[in-house]
Amino acid sequence: MISTACLMLLLAFEILYLTSKQYKQASSLVFVKTIVAKPRQFRLAAAILFSIGSALIISGMGWVSGSVAVVVAVMATGSLVVVLQPFRYIGVIGLSALYAAVLLLEIFI
């Protein structure tokens, strides 16, 4: 559950990064062009993803520790997006493989 919530926070931060005015579109990916073309709708979707991810973490850990975990997760995912996005290291396949590996570790450990 925590890995799914962190993935939601990562996707929300990625969407917010792509819809910011500072982002320079150099990608030819279709979904990136769609996100950049409709920033208002995707910012709302990012807010919903952020709210759901935060609620999952807080409901699983409690108010205080969940709130701290949300802050830590947002800082971690934010730094990942800001550092790795300009180099195009985060791809759909890599993100899916990383999520699957972390989810399997979470389930079996």
PDB file of N, CA and C in Angstrom:
ATOM      1  N   MET A   1       0.816  -1.183   0.000  1.00  0.00           N
ATOM      2  CA  MET A   1       0.000   0.000   0.000  1.00  0.00           C
ATOM      3  C   MET A   1       0.871   1.264   0.000  1.00  0.00           C
ATOM      4  N   ILE A   2       1.973   1.210   0.696  1.00  0.00           N
ATOM      5  CA  ILE A   2       2.846   2.386   0.753  1.00  0.00           C
ATOM      6  C   ILE A   2       3.505   2.623  -0.602  1.00  0.00           C
ATOM      7  N   SER A   3       3.876   1.552  -1.287  1.00  0.00           N
ATOM      8  CA  SER A   3       4.499   1.735  -2.597  1.00  0.00           C
ATOM      9  C   SER A   3       3.503   2.314  -3.602  1.00  0.00           C
ATOM     10  N   THR A   4       2.248   1.913  -3.523  1.00  0.00           N
ATOM     11  CA  THR A   4       1.228   2.476  -4.408  1.00  0.00           C
ATOM     12  C   THR A   4       0.993   3.949  -4.093  1.00  0.00           C
ATOM     13  N   ALA A   5       0.958   4.288  -2.815  1.00  0.00           N
ATOM     14  CA  ALA A   5       0.781   5.689  -2.429  1.00  0.00           C
ATOM     15  C   ALA A   5       1.976   6.531  -2.877  1.00  0.00           C
ATOM     16  N   CYS A   6       3.177   5.995  -2.735  1.00  0.00           N
ATOM     17  CA  CYS A   6       4.371   6.731  -3.184  1.00  0.00           C
ATOM     18  C   CYS A   6       4.389   6.874  -4.701  1.00  0.00           C
ATOM     19  N   LEU A   7       3.896   5.858  -5.416  1.00  0.00           N
ATOM     20  CA  LEU A   7       3.790   5.975  -6.872  1.00  0.00           C
ATOM     21  C   LEU A   7       2.802   7.074  -7.246  1.00  0.00           C
ATOM     22  N   MET A   8       1.696   7.163  -6.509  1.00  0.00           N
ATOM     23  CA  MET A   8       0.731   8.239  -6.764  1.00  0.00           C
ATOM     24  C   MET A   8       1.359   9.608  -6.525  1.00  0.00           C
ATOM     25  N   LEU A   9       2.130   9.726  -5.455  1.00  0.00           N
ATOM     26  CA  LEU A   9       2.800  10.998  -5.175  1.00  0.00           C
ATOM     27  C   LEU A   9       3.829  11.319  -6.254  1.00  0.00           C
ATOM     28  N   LEU A  10       4.540  10.303  -6.726  1.00  0.00           N
ATOM     29  CA  LEU A  10       5.522  10.508  -7.792  1.00  0.00           C
ATOM     30  C   LEU A  10       4.843  10.964  -9.078  1.00  0.00           C
ATOM     31  N   LEU A  11       3.747  10.314  -9.439  1.00  0.00           N
ATOM     32  CA  LEU A  11       3.031  10.709 -10.650  1.00  0.00           C
ATOM     33  C   LEU A  11       2.450  12.114 -10.521  1.00  0.00           C
ATOM     34  N   ALA A  12       1.933  12.436  -9.342  1.00  0.00           N
ATOM     35  CA  ALA A  12       1.390  13.780  -9.129  1.00  0.00           C
ATOM     36  C   ALA A  12       2.482  14.835  -9.259  1.00  0.00           C
ATOM     37  N   PHE A  13       3.633  14.569  -8.674  1.00  0.00           N
ATOM     38  CA  PHE A  13       4.723  15.545  -8.759  1.00  0.00           C
ATOM     39  C   PHE A  13       5.248  15.644 -10.187  1.00  0.00           C
ATOM     40  N   GLU A  14       5.295  14.534 -10.891  1.00  0.00           N
ATOM     41  CA  GLU A  14       5.729  14.544 -12.294  1.00  0.00           C
ATOM     42  C   GLU A  14       4.769  15.377 -13.149  1.00  0.00           C
ATOM     43  N   ILE A  15       3.482  15.210 -12.928  1.00  0.00           N
ATOM     44  CA  ILE A  15       2.494  15.990 -13.677  1.00  0.00           C
ATOM     45  C   ILE A  15       2.631  17.472 -13.354  1.00  0.00           C
ATOM     46  N   LEU A  16       2.801  17.791 -12.081  1.00  0.00           N
ATOM     47  CA  LEU A  16       2.973  19.195 -11.706  1.00  0.00           C
ATOM     48  C   LEU A  16       4.249  19.775 -12.304  1.00  0.00           C
ATOM     49  N   TYR A  17       5.290  18.964 -12.396  1.00  0.00           N
ATOM     50  CA  TYR A  17       6.540  19.427 -13.007  1.00  0.00           C
ATOM     51  C   TYR A  17       6.338  19.686 -14.501  1.00  0.00           C
ATOM     52  N   LEU A  18       5.624  18.781 -15.171  1.00  0.00           N
ATOM     53  CA  LEU A  18       5.421  18.934 -16.610  1.00  0.00           C
ATOM     54  C   LEU A  18       4.496  20.099 -16.947  1.00  0.00           C
ATOM     55  N   THR A  19       3.601  20.456 -16.038  1.00  0.00           N
ATOM     56  CA  THR A  19       2.688  21.567 -16.313  1.00  0.00           C
ATOM     57  C   THR A  19       3.212  22.910 -15.817  1.00  0.00           C
ATOM     58  N   SER A  20       4.399  22.927 -15.232  1.00  0.00           N
ATOM     59  CA  SER A  20       4.947  24.198 -14.753  1.00  0.00           C
ATOM     60  C   SER A  20       5.427  25.043 -15.934  1.00  0.00           C
ATOM     61  N   LYS A  21       5.532  26.329 -15.704  1.00  0.00           N
ATOM     62  CA  LYS A  21       5.957  27.242 -16.764  1.00  0.00           C
ATOM     63  C   LYS A  21       7.445  27.121 -17.054  1.00  0.00           C
ATOM     64  N   GLN A  22       8.197  26.557 -16.129  1.00  0.00           N
ATOM     65  CA  GLN A  22       9.640  26.436 -16.308  1.00  0.00           C
ATOM     66  C   GLN A  22      10.024  25.242 -17.176  1.00  0.00           C
ATOM     67  N   TYR A  23       9.101  24.318 -17.379  1.00  0.00           N
ATOM     68  CA  TYR A  23       9.407  23.119 -18.157  1.00  0.00           C
ATOM     69  C   TYR A  23       9.508  23.480 -19.629  1.00  0.00           C
ATOM     70  N   LYS A  24      10.598  23.065 -20.237  1.00  0.00           N
ATOM     71  CA  LYS A  24      10.792  23.272 -21.662  1.00  0.00           C
ATOM     72  C   LYS A  24      10.530  21.948 -22.362  1.00  0.00           C
ATOM     73  N   GLN A  25       9.551  21.946 -23.235  1.00  0.00           N
ATOM     74  CA  GLN A  25       9.138  20.710 -23.883  1.00  0.00           C
ATOM     75  C   GLN A  25      10.144  20.312 -24.952  1.00  0.00           C
ATOM     76  N   ALA A  26      10.855  19.238 -24.685  1.00  0.00           N
ATOM     77  CA  ALA A  26      11.798  18.704 -25.657  1.00  0.00           C
ATOM     78  C   ALA A  26      11.484  17.241 -25.939  1.00  0.00           C
ATOM     79  N   SER A  27      10.438  16.741 -25.321  1.00  0.00           N
ATOM     80  CA  SER A  27      10.086  15.340 -25.461  1.00  0.00           C
ATOM     81  C   SER A  27       9.081  15.169 -26.594  1.00  0.00           C
ATOM     82  N   SER A  28       9.200  14.062 -27.283  1.00  0.00           N
ATOM     83  CA  SER A  28       8.267  13.779 -28.368  1.00  0.00           C
ATOM     84  C   SER A  28       7.232  12.733 -27.953  1.00  0.00           C
ATOM     85  N   LEU A  29       7.176  12.424 -26.670  1.00  0.00           N
ATOM     86  CA  LEU A  29       6.206  11.447 -26.203  1.00  0.00           C
ATOM     87  C   LEU A  29       4.802  12.037 -26.257  1.00  0.00           C
ATOM     88  N   VAL A  30       3.849  11.217 -26.652  1.00  0.00           N
ATOM     89  CA  VAL A  30       2.486  11.690 -26.854  1.00  0.00           C
ATOM     90  C   VAL A  30       1.852  12.132 -25.542  1.00  0.00           C
ATOM     91  N   PHE A  31       2.049  11.351 -24.472  1.00  0.00           N
ATOM     92  CA  PHE A  31       1.397  11.701 -23.214  1.00  0.00           C
ATOM     93  C   PHE A  31       1.982  12.979 -22.608  1.00  0.00           C
ATOM     94  N   VAL A  32       3.251  13.255 -22.856  1.00  0.00           N
ATOM     95  CA  VAL A  32       3.847  14.503 -22.360  1.00  0.00           C
ATOM     96  C   VAL A  32       3.254  15.696 -23.109  1.00  0.00           C
ATOM     97  N   LYS A  33       3.074  15.561 -24.399  1.00  0.00           N
ATOM     98  CA  LYS A  33       2.462  16.638 -25.177  1.00  0.00           C
ATOM     99  C   LYS A  33       1.022  16.886 -24.734  1.00  0.00           C
ATOM    100  N   THR A  34       0.315  15.814 -24.400  1.00  0.00           N
ATOM    101  CA  THR A  34      -1.059  15.963 -23.921  1.00  0.00           C
ATOM    102  C   THR A  34      -1.097  16.676 -22.578  1.00  0.00           C
ATOM    103  N   ILE A  35      -0.179  16.312 -21.683  1.00  0.00           N
ATOM    104  CA  ILE A  35      -0.126  16.952 -20.365  1.00  0.00           C
ATOM    105  C   ILE A  35       0.210  18.433 -20.499  1.00  0.00           C
ATOM    106  N   VAL A  36       1.153  18.752 -21.363  1.00  0.00           N
ATOM    107  CA  VAL A  36       1.556  20.149 -21.550  1.00  0.00           C
ATOM    108  C   VAL A  36       0.437  20.954 -22.222  1.00  0.00           C
ATOM    109  N   ALA A  37      -0.330  20.315 -23.105  1.00  0.00           N
ATOM    110  CA  ALA A  37      -1.394  21.019 -23.822  1.00  0.00           C
ATOM    111  C   ALA A  37      -2.594  21.337 -22.935  1.00  0.00           C
ATOM    112  N   LYS A  38      -2.843  20.511 -21.915  1.00  0.00           N
ATOM    113  CA  LYS A  38      -4.007  20.708 -21.043  1.00  0.00           C
ATOM    114  C   LYS A  38      -3.557  20.808 -19.586  1.00  0.00           C
ATOM    115  N   PRO A  39      -2.872  21.880 -19.219  1.00  0.00           N
ATOM    116  CA  PRO A  39      -2.304  21.943 -17.866  1.00  0.00           C
ATOM    117  C   PRO A  39      -3.343  22.037 -16.755  1.00  0.00           C
ATOM    118  N   ARG A  40      -4.442  22.710 -17.001  1.00  0.00           N
ATOM    119  CA  ARG A  40      -5.446  22.892 -15.944  1.00  0.00           C
ATOM    120  C   ARG A  40      -6.068  21.559 -15.528  1.00  0.00           C
ATOM    121  N   GLN A  41      -6.420  20.734 -16.496  1.00  0.00           N
ATOM    122  CA  GLN A  41      -7.029  19.436 -16.202  1.00  0.00           C
ATOM    123  C   GLN A  41      -6.043  18.514 -15.503  1.00  0.00           C
ATOM    124  N   PHE A  42      -4.809  18.533 -15.945  1.00  0.00           N
ATOM    125  CA  PHE A  42      -3.830  17.624 -15.360  1.00  0.00           C
ATOM    126  C   PHE A  42      -3.349  18.095 -13.992  1.00  0.00           C
ATOM    127  N   ARG A  43      -3.388  19.393 -13.730  1.00  0.00           N
ATOM    128  CA  ARG A  43      -3.084  19.864 -12.370  1.00  0.00           C
ATOM    129  C   ARG A  43      -4.159  19.411 -11.398  1.00  0.00           C
ATOM    130  N   LEU A  44      -5.402  19.402 -11.840  1.00  0.00           N
ATOM    131  CA  LEU A  44      -6.486  18.886 -11.009  1.00  0.00           C
ATOM    132  C   LEU A  44      -6.298  17.391 -10.767  1.00  0.00           C
ATOM    133  N   ALA A  45      -5.922  16.659 -11.806  1.00  0.00           N
ATOM    134  CA  ALA A  45      -5.655  15.226 -11.650  1.00  0.00           C
ATOM    135  C   ALA A  45      -4.485  14.989 -10.699  1.00  0.00           C
ATOM    136  N   ALA A  46      -3.469  15.834 -10.770  1.00  0.00           N
ATOM    137  CA  ALA A  46      -2.328  15.705  -9.860  1.00  0.00           C
ATOM    138  C   ALA A  46      -2.741  15.984  -8.427  1.00  0.00           C
ATOM    139  N   ALA A  47      -3.608  16.960  -8.230  1.00  0.00           N
ATOM    140  CA  ALA A  47      -4.099  17.251  -6.875  1.00  0.00           C
ATOM    141  C   ALA A  47      -4.905  16.083  -6.322  1.00  0.00           C
ATOM    142  N   ILE A  48      -5.691  15.455  -7.178  1.00  0.00           N
ATOM    143  CA  ILE A  48      -6.466  14.283  -6.746  1.00  0.00           C
ATOM    144  C   ILE A  48      -5.534  13.129  -6.406  1.00  0.00           C
ATOM    145  N   LEU A  49      -4.538  12.881  -7.251  1.00  0.00           N
ATOM    146  CA  LEU A  49      -3.561  11.820  -6.966  1.00  0.00           C
ATOM    147  C   LEU A  49      -2.811  12.097  -5.670  1.00  0.00           C
ATOM    148  N   PHE A  50      -2.425  13.341  -5.468  1.00  0.00           N
ATOM    149  CA  PHE A  50      -1.724  13.713  -4.245  1.00  0.00           C
ATOM    150  C   PHE A  50      -2.610  13.494  -3.023  1.00  0.00           C
ATOM    151  N   SER A  51      -3.868  13.863  -3.123  1.00  0.00           N
ATOM    152  CA  SER A  51      -4.794  13.690  -1.996  1.00  0.00           C
ATOM    153  C   SER A  51      -5.020  12.219  -1.674  1.00  0.00           C
ATOM    154  N   ILE A  52      -5.204  11.406  -2.700  1.00  0.00           N
ATOM    155  CA  ILE A  52      -5.427   9.974  -2.475  1.00  0.00           C
ATOM    156  C   ILE A  52      -4.180   9.324  -1.893  1.00  0.00           C
ATOM    157  N   GLY A  53      -3.017   9.643  -2.448  1.00  0.00           N
ATOM    158  CA  GLY A  53      -1.773   9.083  -1.925  1.00  0.00           C
ATOM    159  C   GLY A  53      -1.513   9.487  -0.489  1.00  0.00           C
ATOM    160  N   SER A  54      -1.759  10.747  -0.189  1.00  0.00           N
ATOM    161  CA  SER A  54      -1.581  11.222   1.190  1.00  0.00           C
ATOM    162  C   SER A  54      -2.564  10.546   2.134  1.00  0.00           C
ATOM    163  N   ALA A  55      -3.806  10.401   1.700  1.00  0.00           N
ATOM    164  CA  ALA A  55      -4.815   9.748   2.541  1.00  0.00           C
ATOM    165  C   ALA A  55      -4.462   8.287   2.794  1.00  0.00           C
ATOM    166  N   LEU A  56      -3.926   7.611   1.786  1.00  0.00           N
ATOM    167  CA  LEU A  56      -3.516   6.212   1.976  1.00  0.00           C
ATOM    168  C   LEU A  56      -2.401   6.094   3.008  1.00  0.00           C
ATOM    169  N   ILE A  57      -1.423   6.960   2.908  1.00  0.00           N
ATOM    170  CA  ILE A  57      -0.307   6.905   3.858  1.00  0.00           C
ATOM    171  C   ILE A  57      -0.774   7.266   5.262  1.00  0.00           C
ATOM    172  N   ILE A  58      -1.567   8.314   5.384  1.00  0.00           N
ATOM    173  CA  ILE A  58      -2.030   8.741   6.707  1.00  0.00           C
ATOM    174  C   ILE A  58      -2.960   7.707   7.327  1.00  0.00           C
ATOM    175  N   SER A  59      -3.829   7.091   6.524  1.00  0.00           N
ATOM    176  CA  SER A  59      -4.729   6.078   7.086  1.00  0.00           C
ATOM    177  C   SER A  59      -3.983   4.816   7.483  1.00  0.00           C
ATOM    178  N   GLY A  60      -2.903   4.530   6.822  1.00  0.00           N
ATOM    179  CA  GLY A  60      -2.134   3.337   7.158  1.00  0.00           C
ATOM    180  C   GLY A  60      -1.212   3.506   8.347  1.00  0.00           C
ATOM    181  N   MET A  61      -0.753   4.722   8.582  1.00  0.00           N
ATOM    182  CA  MET A  61       0.240   4.941   9.632  1.00  0.00           C
ATOM    183  C   MET A  61      -0.261   5.762  10.810  1.00  0.00           C
ATOM    184  N   GLY A  62      -1.394   6.415  10.678  1.00  0.00           N
ATOM    185  CA  GLY A  62      -1.867   7.300  11.737  1.00  0.00           C
ATOM    186  C   GLY A  62      -1.583   8.744  11.371  1.00  0.00           C
ATOM    187  N   TRP A  63      -2.143   9.672  12.171  1.00  0.00           N
ATOM    188  CA  TRP A  63      -2.054  11.082  11.828  1.00  0.00           C
ATOM    189  C   TRP A  63      -0.636  11.634  11.843  1.00  0.00           C
ATOM    190  N   VAL A  64       0.050  11.468  12.950  1.00  0.00           N
ATOM    191  CA  VAL A  64       1.352  12.132  13.090  1.00  0.00           C
ATOM    192  C   VAL A  64       2.415  11.456  12.237  1.00  0.00           C
ATOM    193  N   SER A  65       2.556  10.150  12.402  1.00  0.00           N
ATOM    194  CA  SER A  65       3.587   9.458  11.619  1.00  0.00           C
ATOM    195  C   SER A  65       3.230   9.443  10.136  1.00  0.00           C
ATOM    196  N   GLY A  66       1.951   9.389   9.810  1.00  0.00           N
ATOM    197  CA  GLY A  66       1.534   9.452   8.414  1.00  0.00           C
ATOM    198  C   GLY A  66       1.820  10.798   7.789  1.00  0.00           C
ATOM    199  N   SER A  67       1.594  11.866   8.555  1.00  0.00           N
ATOM    200  CA  SER A  67       1.888  13.210   8.042  1.00  0.00           C
ATOM    201  C   SER A  67       3.381  13.394   7.799  1.00  0.00           C
ATOM    202  N   VAL A  68       4.184  12.893   8.712  1.00  0.00           N
ATOM    203  CA  VAL A  68       5.641  12.961   8.532  1.00  0.00           C
ATOM    204  C   VAL A  68       6.059  12.112   7.334  1.00  0.00           C
ATOM    205  N   ALA A  69       5.454  10.941   7.184  1.00  0.00           N
ATOM    206  CA  ALA A  69       5.779  10.076   6.049  1.00  0.00           C
ATOM    207  C   ALA A  69       5.376  10.724   4.728  1.00  0.00           C
ATOM    208  N   VAL A  70       4.264  11.445   4.710  1.00  0.00           N
ATOM    209  CA  VAL A  70       3.851  12.148   3.489  1.00  0.00           C
ATOM    210  C   VAL A  70       4.866  13.229   3.136  1.00  0.00           C
ATOM    211  N   VAL A  71       5.321  13.976   4.124  1.00  0.00           N
ATOM    212  CA  VAL A  71       6.315  15.024   3.870  1.00  0.00           C
ATOM    213  C   VAL A  71       7.609  14.412   3.334  1.00  0.00           C
ATOM    214  N   VAL A  72       8.045  13.319   3.942  1.00  0.00           N
ATOM    215  CA  VAL A  72       9.268  12.650   3.490  1.00  0.00           C
ATOM    216  C   VAL A  72       9.083  12.090   2.081  1.00  0.00           C
ATOM    217  N   ALA A  73       7.931  11.479   1.812  1.00  0.00           N
ATOM    218  CA  ALA A  73       7.679  10.911   0.485  1.00  0.00           C
ATOM    219  C   ALA A  73       7.609  12.002  -0.576  1.00  0.00           C
ATOM    220  N   VAL A  74       6.989  13.127  -0.260  1.00  0.00           N
ATOM    221  CA  VAL A  74       6.916  14.230  -1.226  1.00  0.00           C
ATOM    222  C   VAL A  74       8.302  14.806  -1.487  1.00  0.00           C
ATOM    223  N   MET A  75       9.110  14.942  -0.444  1.00  0.00           N
ATOM    224  CA  MET A  75      10.475  15.442  -0.641  1.00  0.00           C
ATOM    225  C   MET A  75      11.293  14.460  -1.477  1.00  0.00           C
ATOM    226  N   ALA A  76      11.134  13.165  -1.227  1.00  0.00           N
ATOM    227  CA  ALA A  76      11.892  12.164  -1.982  1.00  0.00           C
ATOM    228  C   ALA A  76      11.450  12.117  -3.442  1.00  0.00           C
ATOM    229  N   THR A  77      10.146  12.066  -3.678  1.00  0.00           N
ATOM    230  CA  THR A  77       9.675  12.004  -5.058  1.00  0.00           C
ATOM    231  C   THR A  77       9.943  13.309  -5.796  1.00  0.00           C
ATOM    232  N   GLY A  78       9.831  14.419  -5.086  1.00  0.00           N
ATOM    233  CA  GLY A  78      10.129  15.702  -5.713  1.00  0.00           C
ATOM    234  C   GLY A  78      11.576  15.820  -6.139  1.00  0.00           C
ATOM    235  N   SER A  79      12.467  15.374  -5.284  1.00  0.00           N
ATOM    236  CA  SER A  79      13.881  15.441  -5.656  1.00  0.00           C
ATOM    237  C   SER A  79      14.197  14.480  -6.794  1.00  0.00           C
ATOM    238  N   LEU A  80      13.543  13.319  -6.805  1.00  0.00           N
ATOM    239  CA  LEU A  80      13.740  12.389  -7.923  1.00  0.00           C
ATOM    240  C   LEU A  80      13.300  13.013  -9.243  1.00  0.00           C
ATOM    241  N   VAL A  81      12.142  13.619  -9.244  1.00  0.00           N
ATOM    242  CA  VAL A  81      11.623  14.208 -10.480  1.00  0.00           C
ATOM    243  C   VAL A  81      12.492  15.374 -10.934  1.00  0.00           C
ATOM    244  N   VAL A  82      12.846  16.258 -10.023  1.00  0.00           N
ATOM    245  CA  VAL A  82      13.614  17.448 -10.398  1.00  0.00           C
ATOM    246  C   VAL A  82      15.021  17.086 -10.860  1.00  0.00           C
ATOM    247  N   VAL A  83      15.627  16.096 -10.240  1.00  0.00           N
ATOM    248  CA  VAL A  83      16.994  15.722 -10.608  1.00  0.00           C
ATOM    249  C   VAL A  83      17.025  14.860 -11.869  1.00  0.00           C
ATOM    250  N   LEU A  84      16.100  13.913 -11.996  1.00  0.00           N
ATOM    251  CA  LEU A  84      16.183  12.950 -13.086  1.00  0.00           C
ATOM    252  C   LEU A  84      15.399  13.339 -14.336  1.00  0.00           C
ATOM    253  N   GLN A  85      14.398  14.182 -14.236  1.00  0.00           N
ATOM    254  CA  GLN A  85      13.579  14.532 -15.396  1.00  0.00           C
ATOM    255  C   GLN A  85      14.365  15.242 -16.497  1.00  0.00           C
ATOM    256  N   PRO A  86      15.225  16.209 -16.208  1.00  0.00           N
ATOM    257  CA  PRO A  86      15.953  16.855 -17.311  1.00  0.00           C
ATOM    258  C   PRO A  86      16.842  15.894 -18.101  1.00  0.00           C
ATOM    259  N   PHE A  87      17.281  14.821 -17.481  1.00  0.00           N
ATOM    260  CA  PHE A  87      18.130  13.856 -18.181  1.00  0.00           C
ATOM    261  C   PHE A  87      17.330  12.744 -18.836  1.00  0.00           C
ATOM    262  N   ARG A  88      16.023  12.746 -18.645  1.00  0.00           N
ATOM    263  CA  ARG A  88      15.109  11.745 -19.202  1.00  0.00           C
ATOM    264  C   ARG A  88      15.437  10.329 -18.716  1.00  0.00           C
ATOM    265  N   TYR A  89      15.838  10.211 -17.439  1.00  0.00           N
ATOM    266  CA  TYR A  89      16.132   8.902 -16.873  1.00  0.00           C
ATOM    267  C   TYR A  89      14.870   8.154 -16.466  1.00  0.00           C
ATOM    268  N   ILE A  90      13.814   8.891 -16.139  1.00  0.00           N
ATOM    269  CA  ILE A  90      12.574   8.252 -15.721  1.00  0.00           C
ATOM    270  C   ILE A  90      11.745   7.976 -16.964  1.00  0.00           C
ATOM    271  N   GLY A  91      11.610   6.705 -17.294  1.00  0.00           N
ATOM    272  CA  GLY A  91      10.779   6.305 -18.414  1.00  0.00           C
ATOM    273  C   GLY A  91       9.618   5.463 -17.918  1.00  0.00           C
ATOM    274  N   VAL A  92       8.692   5.214 -18.797  1.00  0.00           N
ATOM    275  CA  VAL A  92       7.512   4.440 -18.417  1.00  0.00           C
ATOM    276  C   VAL A  92       7.902   3.014 -18.064  1.00  0.00           C
ATOM    277  N   ILE A  93       8.769   2.414 -18.839  1.00  0.00           N
ATOM    278  CA  ILE A  93       9.169   1.025 -18.589  1.00  0.00           C
ATOM    279  C   ILE A  93       9.999   0.926 -17.316  1.00  0.00           C
ATOM    280  N   GLY A  94      10.921   1.833 -17.134  1.00  0.00           N
ATOM    281  CA  GLY A  94      11.740   1.820 -15.921  1.00  0.00           C
ATOM    282  C   GLY A  94      10.930   2.062 -14.667  1.00  0.00           C
ATOM    283  N   LEU A  95       9.994   2.995 -14.745  1.00  0.00           N
ATOM    284  CA  LEU A  95       9.132   3.274 -13.599  1.00  0.00           C
ATOM    285  C   LEU A  95       8.233   2.085 -13.289  1.00  0.00           C
ATOM    286  N   SER A  96       7.723   1.433 -14.324  1.00  0.00           N
ATOM    287  CA  SER A  96       6.883   0.248 -14.118  1.00  0.00           C
ATOM    288  C   SER A  96       7.681  -0.895 -13.506  1.00  0.00           C
ATOM    289  N   ALA A  97       8.903  -1.095 -13.970  1.00  0.00           N
ATOM    290  CA  ALA A  97       9.741  -2.159 -13.415  1.00  0.00           C
ATOM    291  C   ALA A  97      10.112  -1.873 -11.966  1.00  0.00           C
ATOM    292  N   LEU A  98      10.441  -0.637 -11.666  1.00  0.00           N
ATOM    293  CA  LEU A  98      10.767  -0.266 -10.290  1.00  0.00           C
ATOM    294  C   LEU A  98       9.564  -0.443  -9.374  1.00  0.00           C
ATOM    295  N   TYR A  99       8.387  -0.030  -9.834  1.00  0.00           N
ATOM    296  CA  TYR A  99       7.173  -0.187  -9.032  1.00  0.00           C
ATOM    297  C   TYR A  99       6.867  -1.662  -8.795  1.00  0.00           C
ATOM    298  N   ALA A 100       6.997  -2.489  -9.829  1.00  0.00           N
ATOM    299  CA  ALA A 100       6.728  -3.921  -9.676  1.00  0.00           C
ATOM    300  C   ALA A 100       7.697  -4.556  -8.685  1.00  0.00           C
ATOM    301  N   ALA A 101       8.968  -4.180  -8.750  1.00  0.00           N
ATOM    302  CA  ALA A 101       9.952  -4.745  -7.820  1.00  0.00           C
ATOM    303  C   ALA A 101       9.663  -4.324  -6.386  1.00  0.00           C
ATOM    304  N   VAL A 102       9.347  -3.058  -6.181  1.00  0.00           N
ATOM    305  CA  VAL A 102       9.058  -2.575  -4.827  1.00  0.00           C
ATOM    306  C   VAL A 102       7.758  -3.174  -4.307  1.00  0.00           C
ATOM    307  N   LEU A 103       6.767  -3.331  -5.176  1.00  0.00           N
ATOM    308  CA  LEU A 103       5.500  -3.934  -4.761  1.00  0.00           C
ATOM    309  C   LEU A 103       5.692  -5.394  -4.365  1.00  0.00           C
ATOM    310  N   LEU A 104       6.500  -6.121  -5.118  1.00  0.00           N
ATOM    311  CA  LEU A 104       6.781  -7.517  -4.754  1.00  0.00           C
ATOM    312  C   LEU A 104       7.517  -7.603  -3.426  1.00  0.00           C
ATOM    313  N   LEU A 105       8.465  -6.705  -3.202  1.00  0.00           N
ATOM    314  CA  LEU A 105       9.145  -6.683  -1.907  1.00  0.00           C
ATOM    315  C   LEU A 105       8.177  -6.358  -0.777  1.00  0.00           C
ATOM    316  N   GLU A 106       7.265  -5.440  -1.019  1.00  0.00           N
ATOM    317  CA  GLU A 106       6.300  -5.072   0.014  1.00  0.00           C
ATOM    318  C   GLU A 106       5.341  -6.220   0.317  1.00  0.00           C
ATOM    319  N   ILE A 107       4.958  -6.953  -0.694  1.00  0.00           N
ATOM    320  CA  ILE A 107       4.018  -8.064  -0.487  1.00  0.00           C
ATOM    321  C   ILE A 107       4.685  -9.232   0.218  1.00  0.00           C
ATOM    322  N   PHE A 108       5.879  -9.597  -0.201  1.00  0.00           N
ATOM    323  CA  PHE A 108       6.499 -10.824   0.305  1.00  0.00           C
ATOM    324  C   PHE A 108       7.356 -10.636   1.552  1.00  0.00           C
ATOM    325  N   ILE A 109       7.633  -9.408   1.942  1.00  0.00           N
ATOM    326  CA  ILE A 109       8.448  -9.220   3.152  1.00  0.00           C
ATOM    327  C   ILE A 109       7.603  -8.798   4.295  1.00  0.00           C
TER     328      ILE A 109
END
